[in-house]
Amino acid sequence: MLCGTSDLCVSFADLGTSTIHSEMTTEARSTKHEEQRAAKRVAGEAAADLVKDGMRLGLGTGSTTAFAIEAIGRRVREESLSVVGVPTSFAAERLAREYGVPITTLDDLAQSEAALSLDLAIDGADEVDPDLNLIKGRGAAHTREKIVASLAERFVVLIDPSKEVDQLGTKMPVPVEVLPMAEASVSKALRDLGGEPVLRMGQHKDGPVVSDQGFWIVDARFGAISNPADLAAAISQIPGVLDHGLFIGMATDVFVGEADGSVREKR
């Protein structure tokens, strides 16, 4: 037993129990992280199996899509697969280069193709509802992701089970990409729509997060969204908004990776 001048006493048994509990909590978190990582990997690899020779691909951004890009690169090397990908962010572009996936731009495709289209787009999501509507944008790349997904004949979304929700907004806010000088007015408009907007700040830099377009990201929390299509339309009408993270009716498939190595497909 340890006692201080304030008569606060702590037993060695209590200290030991606290240490054991902390270690168990850390171990549980580590196990959950590894299970999520395994689920993301199998979803990414399942998506990579969809790729066929000659395809034009949309390459999404995020930890789950990174596994798909890695697997596509492996197929390019081992099977001499001939594909070309349009990355949705600087991060996706760097991954594609690292894993050997040939890349192009929409401008280049437009000059070489009669119709500007992609065969397959692969991306992750922060939330997916039963109708396959999505919230995306935790990586601040949702504007480019939406453009690329809109051009794809098939848009496959890759998630682990933690991203499935009954209603969008249950866990995640809606990211809104805004012109910096319009942040105050956009935030007011989002509050008028029932949201609680917060300017996203950088994790390893001073000041706000800046998108690849040089815009800021406002995260608007609405709670469970009863009509995501109406909310998406309303946010799009706000002056100063470039785009938002509500993807309504765009996904054709959702691959849900499980920690046991299986993949559920939702269409």
C-alpha atoms as a PDB file:
ATOM      1  CA  MET A   1       0.000   0.000   0.000  1.00  0.00           C
ATOM      2  CA  LEU A   2       1.297   3.472  -0.965  1.00  0.00           C
ATOM      3  CA  CYS A   3       0.042   6.486   1.010  1.00  0.00           C
ATOM      4  CA  GLY A   4       0.763  10.161   0.341  1.00  0.00           C
ATOM      5  CA  THR A   5       0.427  13.218   2.496  1.00  0.00           C
ATOM      6  CA  SER A   6      -3.125  13.742   1.242  1.00  0.00           C
ATOM      7  CA  ASP A   7      -4.055  10.314   2.719  1.00  0.00           C
ATOM      8  CA  LEU A   8      -4.515   8.981  -0.807  1.00  0.00           C
ATOM      9  CA  CYS A   9      -3.608   5.311  -0.685  1.00  0.00           C
ATOM     10  CA  VAL A  10      -3.097   3.037  -3.677  1.00  0.00           C
ATOM     11  CA  SER A  11      -2.415  -0.675  -3.259  1.00  0.00           C
ATOM     12  CA  PHE A  12       0.120  -2.516  -5.366  1.00  0.00           C
ATOM     13  CA  ALA A  13      -2.746  -4.839  -6.345  1.00  0.00           C
ATOM     14  CA  ASP A  14      -4.688  -1.870  -7.713  1.00  0.00           C
ATOM     15  CA  LEU A  15      -1.645  -0.725  -9.678  1.00  0.00           C
ATOM     16  CA  GLY A  16      -1.168  -4.197 -11.093  1.00  0.00           C
ATOM     17  CA  THR A  17      -4.833  -4.519 -12.082  1.00  0.00           C
ATOM     18  CA  SER A  18      -4.707  -1.128 -13.807  1.00  0.00           C
ATOM     19  CA  THR A  19      -1.604  -2.140 -15.754  1.00  0.00           C
ATOM     20  CA  ILE A  20      -3.145  -5.454 -16.831  1.00  0.00           C
ATOM     21  CA  HIS A  21      -6.356  -3.708 -17.929  1.00  0.00           C
ATOM     22  CA  SER A  22      -4.354  -1.193 -19.953  1.00  0.00           C
ATOM     23  CA  GLU A  23      -2.386  -3.961 -21.643  1.00  0.00           C
ATOM     24  CA  MET A  24      -5.572  -5.876 -22.447  1.00  0.00           C
ATOM     25  CA  THR A  25      -7.190  -2.756 -23.906  1.00  0.00           C
ATOM     26  CA  THR A  26      -4.119  -2.107 -26.069  1.00  0.00           C
ATOM     27  CA  GLU A  27      -4.104  -5.720 -27.224  1.00  0.00           C
ATOM     28  CA  ALA A  28      -7.825  -5.600 -28.072  1.00  0.00           C
ATOM     29  CA  ARG A  29      -7.321  -2.425 -30.096  1.00  0.00           C
ATOM     30  CA  SER A  30      -4.406  -3.996 -31.924  1.00  0.00           C
ATOM     31  CA  THR A  31      -6.472  -7.093 -32.717  1.00  0.00           C
ATOM     32  CA  LYS A  32      -9.358  -4.996 -34.041  1.00  0.00           C
ATOM     33  CA  HIS A  33      -6.949  -2.963 -36.189  1.00  0.00           C
ATOM     34  CA  GLU A  34      -5.474  -6.137 -37.673  1.00  0.00           C
ATOM     35  CA  GLU A  35      -8.937  -7.535 -38.372  1.00  0.00           C
ATOM     36  CA  GLN A  36      -9.963  -4.330 -40.168  1.00  0.00           C
ATOM     37  CA  ARG A  37      -6.725  -4.357 -42.126  1.00  0.00           C
ATOM     38  CA  ALA A  38      -7.325  -7.975 -43.178  1.00  0.00           C
ATOM     39  CA  ALA A  39     -10.905  -7.127 -44.211  1.00  0.00           C
ATOM     40  CA  LYS A  40      -9.723  -4.167 -46.270  1.00  0.00           C
ATOM     41  CA  ARG A  41      -7.062  -6.262 -47.978  1.00  0.00           C
ATOM     42  CA  VAL A  42      -9.454  -9.020 -49.116  1.00  0.00           C
ATOM     43  CA  ALA A  43     -11.932  -6.424 -50.419  1.00  0.00           C
ATOM     44  CA  GLY A  44      -9.143  -4.689 -52.353  1.00  0.00           C
ATOM     45  CA  GLU A  45      -7.858  -7.929 -53.820  1.00  0.00           C
ATOM     46  CA  ALA A  46     -11.382  -8.986 -54.828  1.00  0.00           C
ATOM     47  CA  ALA A  47     -11.787  -5.703 -56.702  1.00  0.00           C
ATOM     48  CA  ALA A  48      -8.447  -6.188 -58.443  1.00  0.00           C
ATOM     49  CA  ASP A  49      -9.709  -9.556 -59.721  1.00  0.00           C
ATOM     50  CA  LEU A  50     -12.382  -7.667 -61.706  1.00  0.00           C
ATOM     51  CA  VAL A  51      -9.765  -5.954 -63.844  1.00  0.00           C
ATOM     52  CA  LYS A  52      -9.426  -7.248 -67.398  1.00  0.00           C
ATOM     53  CA  ASP A  53      -6.852  -6.576 -70.070  1.00  0.00           C
ATOM     54  CA  GLY A  54      -7.338  -3.243 -71.848  1.00  0.00           C
ATOM     55  CA  MET A  55      -9.463  -1.659 -69.135  1.00  0.00           C
ATOM     56  CA  ARG A  56      -9.464   2.022 -68.265  1.00  0.00           C
ATOM     57  CA  LEU A  57      -9.656   2.316 -64.488  1.00  0.00           C
ATOM     58  CA  GLY A  58     -10.555   4.910 -61.903  1.00  0.00           C
ATOM     59  CA  LEU A  59      -8.153   4.616 -58.966  1.00  0.00           C
ATOM     60  CA  GLY A  60      -9.650   5.850 -55.712  1.00  0.00           C
ATOM     61  CA  THR A  61      -8.020   7.194 -52.587  1.00  0.00           C
ATOM     62  CA  GLY A  62      -7.735   5.662 -49.133  1.00  0.00           C
ATOM     63  CA  SER A  63      -6.417   2.717 -47.155  1.00  0.00           C
ATOM     64  CA  THR A  64      -8.775   0.096 -48.652  1.00  0.00           C
ATOM     65  CA  THR A  65      -8.248   1.197 -52.247  1.00  0.00           C
ATOM     66  CA  ALA A  66      -4.492   1.122 -51.642  1.00  0.00           C
ATOM     67  CA  PHE A  67      -4.715  -2.672 -51.352  1.00  0.00           C
ATOM     68  CA  ALA A  68      -6.557  -2.796 -54.688  1.00  0.00           C
ATOM     69  CA  ILE A  69      -3.919  -0.649 -56.406  1.00  0.00           C
ATOM     70  CA  GLU A  70      -1.190  -2.868 -54.971  1.00  0.00           C
ATOM     71  CA  ALA A  71      -2.957  -5.998 -56.264  1.00  0.00           C
ATOM     72  CA  ILE A  72      -3.537  -4.465 -59.707  1.00  0.00           C
ATOM     73  CA  GLY A  73       0.152  -3.587 -59.899  1.00  0.00           C
ATOM     74  CA  ARG A  74       1.040  -7.170 -59.029  1.00  0.00           C
ATOM     75  CA  ARG A  75      -1.178  -8.426 -61.865  1.00  0.00           C
ATOM     76  CA  VAL A  76       0.434  -5.956 -64.260  1.00  0.00           C
ATOM     77  CA  ARG A  77       3.854  -7.374 -63.379  1.00  0.00           C
ATOM     78  CA  GLU A  78       2.967 -11.066 -63.197  1.00  0.00           C
ATOM     79  CA  GLU A  79       0.346 -11.313 -65.962  1.00  0.00           C
ATOM     80  CA  SER A  80       1.559  -8.542 -68.286  1.00  0.00           C
ATOM     81  CA  LEU A  81      -1.882  -6.995 -67.844  1.00  0.00           C
ATOM     82  CA  SER A  82      -2.367  -3.933 -70.039  1.00  0.00           C
ATOM     83  CA  VAL A  83      -4.432  -1.304 -68.216  1.00  0.00           C
ATOM     84  CA  VAL A  84      -4.385   2.409 -67.566  1.00  0.00           C
ATOM     85  CA  GLY A  85      -5.644   4.199 -64.476  1.00  0.00           C
ATOM     86  CA  VAL A  86      -6.908   7.687 -63.668  1.00  0.00           C
ATOM     87  CA  PRO A  87      -5.885   8.510 -60.076  1.00  0.00           C
ATOM     88  CA  THR A  88      -8.276  10.572 -57.956  1.00  0.00           C
ATOM     89  CA  SER A  89      -5.597  12.267 -55.858  1.00  0.00           C
ATOM     90  CA  PHE A  90      -1.877  12.918 -55.615  1.00  0.00           C
ATOM     91  CA  ALA A  91      -1.740  10.096 -53.048  1.00  0.00           C
ATOM     92  CA  ALA A  92      -3.385   7.615 -55.433  1.00  0.00           C
ATOM     93  CA  GLU A  93      -1.051   8.730 -58.210  1.00  0.00           C
ATOM     94  CA  ARG A  94       2.009   8.064 -56.043  1.00  0.00           C
ATOM     95  CA  LEU A  95       0.707   4.616 -55.078  1.00  0.00           C
ATOM     96  CA  ALA A  96       0.033   3.732 -58.715  1.00  0.00           C
ATOM     97  CA  ARG A  97       3.561   4.737 -59.670  1.00  0.00           C
ATOM     98  CA  GLU A  98       4.998   2.802 -56.722  1.00  0.00           C
ATOM     99  CA  TYR A  99       3.170  -0.412 -57.652  1.00  0.00           C
ATOM    100  CA  GLY A 100       3.654  -0.083 -61.397  1.00  0.00           C
ATOM    101  CA  VAL A 101       0.115   0.742 -62.526  1.00  0.00           C
ATOM    102  CA  PRO A 102       0.244   2.906 -65.684  1.00  0.00           C
ATOM    103  CA  ILE A 103      -1.607   6.184 -65.206  1.00  0.00           C
ATOM    104  CA  THR A 104      -3.204   8.792 -67.417  1.00  0.00           C
ATOM    105  CA  THR A 105      -5.429  11.841 -67.107  1.00  0.00           C
ATOM    106  CA  LEU A 106      -8.979  12.587 -68.171  1.00  0.00           C
ATOM    107  CA  ASP A 107      -7.593  15.186 -70.582  1.00  0.00           C
ATOM    108  CA  ASP A 108      -5.455  12.570 -72.313  1.00  0.00           C
ATOM    109  CA  LEU A 109      -8.364  10.114 -72.497  1.00  0.00           C
ATOM    110  CA  ALA A 110     -10.619  12.793 -73.954  1.00  0.00           C
ATOM    111  CA  GLN A 111      -8.163  13.391 -76.784  1.00  0.00           C
ATOM    112  CA  SER A 112      -7.738   9.701 -77.589  1.00  0.00           C
ATOM    113  CA  GLU A 113     -11.292   8.410 -77.142  1.00  0.00           C
ATOM    114  CA  ALA A 114     -14.495   9.267 -78.996  1.00  0.00           C
ATOM    115  CA  ALA A 115     -16.430   8.936 -75.708  1.00  0.00           C
ATOM    116  CA  LEU A 116     -14.805   9.841 -72.410  1.00  0.00           C
ATOM    117  CA  SER A 117     -15.540   6.890 -70.147  1.00  0.00           C
ATOM    118  CA  LEU A 118     -13.935   4.402 -67.791  1.00  0.00           C
ATOM    119  CA  ASP A 119     -14.603   0.679 -67.595  1.00  0.00           C
ATOM    120  CA  LEU A 120     -14.248   0.362 -63.837  1.00  0.00           C
ATOM    121  CA  ALA A 121     -13.741   2.697 -60.880  1.00  0.00           C
ATOM    122  CA  ILE A 122     -12.617   1.367 -57.506  1.00  0.00           C
ATOM    123  CA  ASP A 123     -12.840   3.368 -54.309  1.00  0.00           C
ATOM    124  CA  GLY A 124     -13.565   3.189 -50.593  1.00  0.00           C
ATOM    125  CA  ALA A 125     -16.245   4.873 -48.473  1.00  0.00           C
ATOM    126  CA  ASP A 126     -16.713   6.168 -44.940  1.00  0.00           C
ATOM    127  CA  GLU A 127     -20.354   5.068 -44.730  1.00  0.00           C
ATOM    128  CA  VAL A 128     -22.626   2.936 -46.939  1.00  0.00           C
ATOM    129  CA  ASP A 129     -26.399   2.661 -46.461  1.00  0.00           C
ATOM    130  CA  PRO A 130     -28.672  -0.222 -47.631  1.00  0.00           C
ATOM    131  CA  ASP A 131     -29.372   1.615 -50.923  1.00  0.00           C
ATOM    132  CA  LEU A 132     -25.618   1.841 -51.622  1.00  0.00           C
ATOM    133  CA  ASN A 133     -25.558   5.595 -51.073  1.00  0.00           C
ATOM    134  CA  LEU A 134     -22.259   6.765 -49.638  1.00  0.00           C
ATOM    135  CA  ILE A 135     -20.504   9.310 -47.504  1.00  0.00           C
ATOM    136  CA  LYS A 136     -16.953   9.827 -48.720  1.00  0.00           C
ATOM    137  CA  GLY A 137     -14.313  12.446 -48.164  1.00  0.00           C
ATOM    138  CA  ARG A 138     -12.362  11.638 -45.034  1.00  0.00           C
ATOM    139  CA  GLY A 139      -9.299  11.789 -47.283  1.00  0.00           C
ATOM    140  CA  ALA A 140     -10.453  15.152 -48.756  1.00  0.00           C
ATOM    141  CA  ALA A 141     -10.426  13.722 -52.292  1.00  0.00           C
ATOM    142  CA  HIS A 142     -14.192  13.342 -52.777  1.00  0.00           C
ATOM    143  CA  THR A 143     -14.562  15.914 -55.569  1.00  0.00           C
ATOM    144  CA  ARG A 144     -12.122  14.157 -57.878  1.00  0.00           C
ATOM    145  CA  GLU A 145     -13.468  10.788 -56.754  1.00  0.00           C
ATOM    146  CA  LYS A 146     -16.998  11.798 -57.708  1.00  0.00           C
ATOM    147  CA  ILE A 147     -15.894  13.014 -61.152  1.00  0.00           C
ATOM    148  CA  VAL A 148     -14.057   9.769 -61.863  1.00  0.00           C
ATOM    149  CA  ALA A 149     -16.866   7.578 -60.495  1.00  0.00           C
ATOM    150  CA  SER A 150     -19.418   9.407 -62.659  1.00  0.00           C
ATOM    151  CA  LEU A 151     -17.497   8.402 -65.790  1.00  0.00           C
ATOM    152  CA  ALA A 152     -17.277   4.708 -64.908  1.00  0.00           C
ATOM    153  CA  GLU A 153     -19.545   2.019 -66.322  1.00  0.00           C
ATOM    154  CA  ARG A 154     -19.060   0.139 -63.042  1.00  0.00           C
ATOM    155  CA  PHE A 155     -18.264   1.793 -59.700  1.00  0.00           C
ATOM    156  CA  VAL A 156     -17.182  -0.717 -57.048  1.00  0.00           C
ATOM    157  CA  VAL A 157     -16.917   0.472 -53.453  1.00  0.00           C
ATOM    158  CA  LEU A 158     -14.636  -1.351 -51.018  1.00  0.00           C
ATOM    159  CA  ILE A 159     -15.322  -1.372 -47.274  1.00  0.00           C
ATOM    160  CA  ASP A 160     -15.013  -3.354 -44.070  1.00  0.00           C
ATOM    161  CA  PRO A 161     -18.176  -4.069 -42.008  1.00  0.00           C
ATOM    162  CA  SER A 162     -17.652  -1.030 -39.738  1.00  0.00           C
ATOM    163  CA  LYS A 163     -18.671   1.227 -42.667  1.00  0.00           C
ATOM    164  CA  GLU A 164     -22.179  -0.261 -43.037  1.00  0.00           C
ATOM    165  CA  VAL A 165     -24.950   1.894 -41.544  1.00  0.00           C
ATOM    166  CA  ASP A 166     -28.750   1.943 -41.634  1.00  0.00           C
ATOM    167  CA  GLN A 167     -28.758   5.683 -42.387  1.00  0.00           C
ATOM    168  CA  LEU A 168     -26.004   7.950 -43.688  1.00  0.00           C
ATOM    169  CA  GLY A 169     -24.691  10.396 -41.117  1.00  0.00           C
ATOM    170  CA  THR A 170     -25.006   7.937 -38.240  1.00  0.00           C
ATOM    171  CA  LYS A 171     -21.268   7.921 -37.597  1.00  0.00           C
ATOM    172  CA  MET A 172     -19.685  10.366 -40.020  1.00  0.00           C
ATOM    173  CA  PRO A 173     -20.133  14.032 -40.938  1.00  0.00           C
ATOM    174  CA  VAL A 174     -20.623  15.119 -44.539  1.00  0.00           C
ATOM    175  CA  PRO A 175     -17.401  16.645 -45.926  1.00  0.00           C
ATOM    176  CA  VAL A 176     -18.006  19.799 -47.939  1.00  0.00           C
ATOM    177  CA  GLU A 177     -15.250  21.276 -50.098  1.00  0.00           C
ATOM    178  CA  VAL A 178     -15.474  25.072 -49.995  1.00  0.00           C
ATOM    179  CA  LEU A 179     -13.784  28.123 -51.436  1.00  0.00           C
ATOM    180  CA  PRO A 180     -11.702  29.489 -48.538  1.00  0.00           C
ATOM    181  CA  MET A 181     -13.207  33.002 -48.692  1.00  0.00           C
ATOM    182  CA  ALA A 182     -16.698  31.457 -48.535  1.00  0.00           C
ATOM    183  CA  GLU A 183     -16.137  29.264 -45.467  1.00  0.00           C
ATOM    184  CA  ALA A 184     -18.172  31.506 -43.133  1.00  0.00           C
ATOM    185  CA  SER A 185     -21.150  31.861 -45.473  1.00  0.00           C
ATOM    186  CA  VAL A 186     -21.143  28.172 -46.398  1.00  0.00           C
ATOM    187  CA  SER A 187     -21.002  27.186 -42.721  1.00  0.00           C
ATOM    188  CA  LYS A 188     -24.006  29.422 -41.997  1.00  0.00           C
ATOM    189  CA  ALA A 189     -25.939  27.827 -44.850  1.00  0.00           C
ATOM    190  CA  LEU A 190     -25.074  24.353 -43.555  1.00  0.00           C
ATOM    191  CA  ARG A 191     -26.347  25.320 -40.108  1.00  0.00           C
ATOM    192  CA  ASP A 192     -29.574  26.515 -41.730  1.00  0.00           C
ATOM    193  CA  LEU A 193     -29.906  23.017 -43.229  1.00  0.00           C
ATOM    194  CA  GLY A 194     -29.593  21.496 -39.752  1.00  0.00           C
ATOM    195  CA  GLY A 195     -25.903  20.684 -39.782  1.00  0.00           C
ATOM    196  CA  GLU A 196     -23.117  21.355 -37.311  1.00  0.00           C
ATOM    197  CA  PRO A 197     -20.204  22.473 -39.495  1.00  0.00           C
ATOM    198  CA  VAL A 198     -16.587  22.364 -38.330  1.00  0.00           C
ATOM    199  CA  LEU A 199     -13.621  23.492 -40.403  1.00  0.00           C
ATOM    200  CA  ARG A 200     -11.245  20.531 -40.708  1.00  0.00           C
ATOM    201  CA  MET A 201      -7.813  21.349 -39.339  1.00  0.00           C
ATOM    202  CA  GLY A 202      -4.535  19.757 -40.380  1.00  0.00           C
ATOM    203  CA  GLN A 203      -3.074  16.938 -38.292  1.00  0.00           C
ATOM    204  CA  HIS A 204       0.588  17.594 -39.009  1.00  0.00           C
ATOM    205  CA  LYS A 205       0.434  21.208 -40.164  1.00  0.00           C
ATOM    206  CA  ASP A 206      -0.833  24.520 -38.908  1.00  0.00           C
ATOM    207  CA  GLY A 207      -4.151  25.726 -40.279  1.00  0.00           C
ATOM    208  CA  PRO A 208      -6.961  24.035 -42.225  1.00  0.00           C
ATOM    209  CA  VAL A 209      -6.739  20.948 -44.407  1.00  0.00           C
ATOM    210  CA  VAL A 210      -6.245  22.042 -48.024  1.00  0.00           C
ATOM    211  CA  SER A 211      -7.564  19.831 -50.815  1.00  0.00           C
ATOM    212  CA  ASP A 212      -5.722  19.035 -54.049  1.00  0.00           C
ATOM    213  CA  GLN A 213      -7.776  21.869 -55.592  1.00  0.00           C
ATOM    214  CA  GLY A 214      -6.620  24.389 -52.965  1.00  0.00           C
ATOM    215  CA  PHE A 215     -10.019  24.429 -51.237  1.00  0.00           C
ATOM    216  CA  TRP A 216     -10.890  23.912 -47.550  1.00  0.00           C
ATOM    217  CA  ILE A 217     -12.957  21.092 -46.070  1.00  0.00           C
ATOM    218  CA  VAL A 218     -15.898  21.748 -43.753  1.00  0.00           C
ATOM    219  CA  ASP A 219     -17.232  18.654 -41.981  1.00  0.00           C
ATOM    220  CA  ALA A 220     -20.975  19.038 -41.370  1.00  0.00           C
ATOM    221  CA  ARG A 221     -22.565  16.647 -38.899  1.00  0.00           C
ATOM    222  CA  PHE A 222     -26.297  16.121 -39.527  1.00  0.00           C
ATOM    223  CA  GLY A 223     -26.912  12.961 -37.536  1.00  0.00           C
ATOM    224  CA  ALA A 224     -28.981  10.283 -39.258  1.00  0.00           C
ATOM    225  CA  ILE A 225     -29.979  11.683 -42.673  1.00  0.00           C
ATOM    226  CA  SER A 226     -33.568  10.792 -43.572  1.00  0.00           C
ATOM    227  CA  ASN A 227     -33.356  11.954 -47.194  1.00  0.00           C
ATOM    228  CA  PRO A 228     -29.749  12.018 -48.439  1.00  0.00           C
ATOM    229  CA  ALA A 229     -30.735  12.906 -52.020  1.00  0.00           C
ATOM    230  CA  ASP A 230     -32.526  16.082 -50.919  1.00  0.00           C
ATOM    231  CA  LEU A 231     -29.637  17.069 -48.648  1.00  0.00           C
ATOM    232  CA  ALA A 232     -27.118  16.464 -51.427  1.00  0.00           C
ATOM    233  CA  ALA A 233     -29.080  18.710 -53.781  1.00  0.00           C
ATOM    234  CA  ALA A 234     -29.416  21.442 -51.151  1.00  0.00           C
ATOM    235  CA  ILE A 235     -25.695  21.489 -50.330  1.00  0.00           C
ATOM    236  CA  SER A 236     -24.801  21.607 -54.022  1.00  0.00           C
ATOM    237  CA  GLN A 237     -26.823  24.824 -54.378  1.00  0.00           C
ATOM    238  CA  ILE A 238     -24.829  26.730 -51.737  1.00  0.00           C
ATOM    239  CA  PRO A 239     -22.590  29.378 -53.353  1.00  0.00           C
ATOM    240  CA  GLY A 240     -18.944  28.671 -52.584  1.00  0.00           C
ATOM    241  CA  VAL A 241     -19.328  24.875 -52.456  1.00  0.00           C
ATOM    242  CA  LEU A 242     -17.217  22.961 -54.955  1.00  0.00           C
ATOM    243  CA  ASP A 243     -18.691  19.577 -54.032  1.00  0.00           C
ATOM    244  CA  HIS A 244     -19.595  17.370 -51.074  1.00  0.00           C
ATOM    245  CA  GLY A 245     -19.144  13.802 -49.890  1.00  0.00           C
ATOM    246  CA  LEU A 246     -22.679  12.506 -50.486  1.00  0.00           C
ATOM    247  CA  PHE A 247     -22.595   9.997 -53.366  1.00  0.00           C
ATOM    248  CA  ILE A 248     -26.209   9.244 -54.241  1.00  0.00           C
ATOM    249  CA  GLY A 249     -27.083   6.400 -56.620  1.00  0.00           C
ATOM    250  CA  MET A 250     -23.549   6.129 -57.985  1.00  0.00           C
ATOM    251  CA  ALA A 251     -22.214   2.819 -56.641  1.00  0.00           C
ATOM    252  CA  THR A 252     -23.032  -0.272 -58.694  1.00  0.00           C
ATOM    253  CA  ASP A 253     -21.439  -2.744 -56.276  1.00  0.00           C
ATOM    254  CA  VAL A 254     -20.137  -2.776 -52.720  1.00  0.00           C
ATOM    255  CA  PHE A 255     -17.543  -5.337 -51.643  1.00  0.00           C
ATOM    256  CA  VAL A 256     -17.530  -5.897 -47.881  1.00  0.00           C
ATOM    257  CA  GLY A 257     -14.319  -7.568 -46.771  1.00  0.00           C
ATOM    258  CA  GLU A 258     -14.484  -9.783 -43.683  1.00  0.00           C
ATOM    259  CA  ALA A 259     -11.662 -10.592 -41.284  1.00  0.00           C
ATOM    260  CA  ASP A 260     -12.053 -14.320 -42.065  1.00  0.00           C
ATOM    261  CA  GLY A 261     -11.029 -13.690 -45.675  1.00  0.00           C
ATOM    262  CA  SER A 262     -14.494 -13.757 -47.227  1.00  0.00           C
ATOM    263  CA  VAL A 263     -16.082 -10.975 -49.254  1.00  0.00           C
ATOM    264  CA  ARG A 264     -19.778 -10.061 -49.350  1.00  0.00           C
ATOM    265  CA  GLU A 265     -21.010  -8.404 -52.520  1.00  0.00           C
ATOM    266  CA  LYS A 266     -23.938  -5.994 -52.370  1.00  0.00           C
ATOM    267  CA  ARG A 267     -25.654  -4.723 -55.518  1.00  0.00           C
END
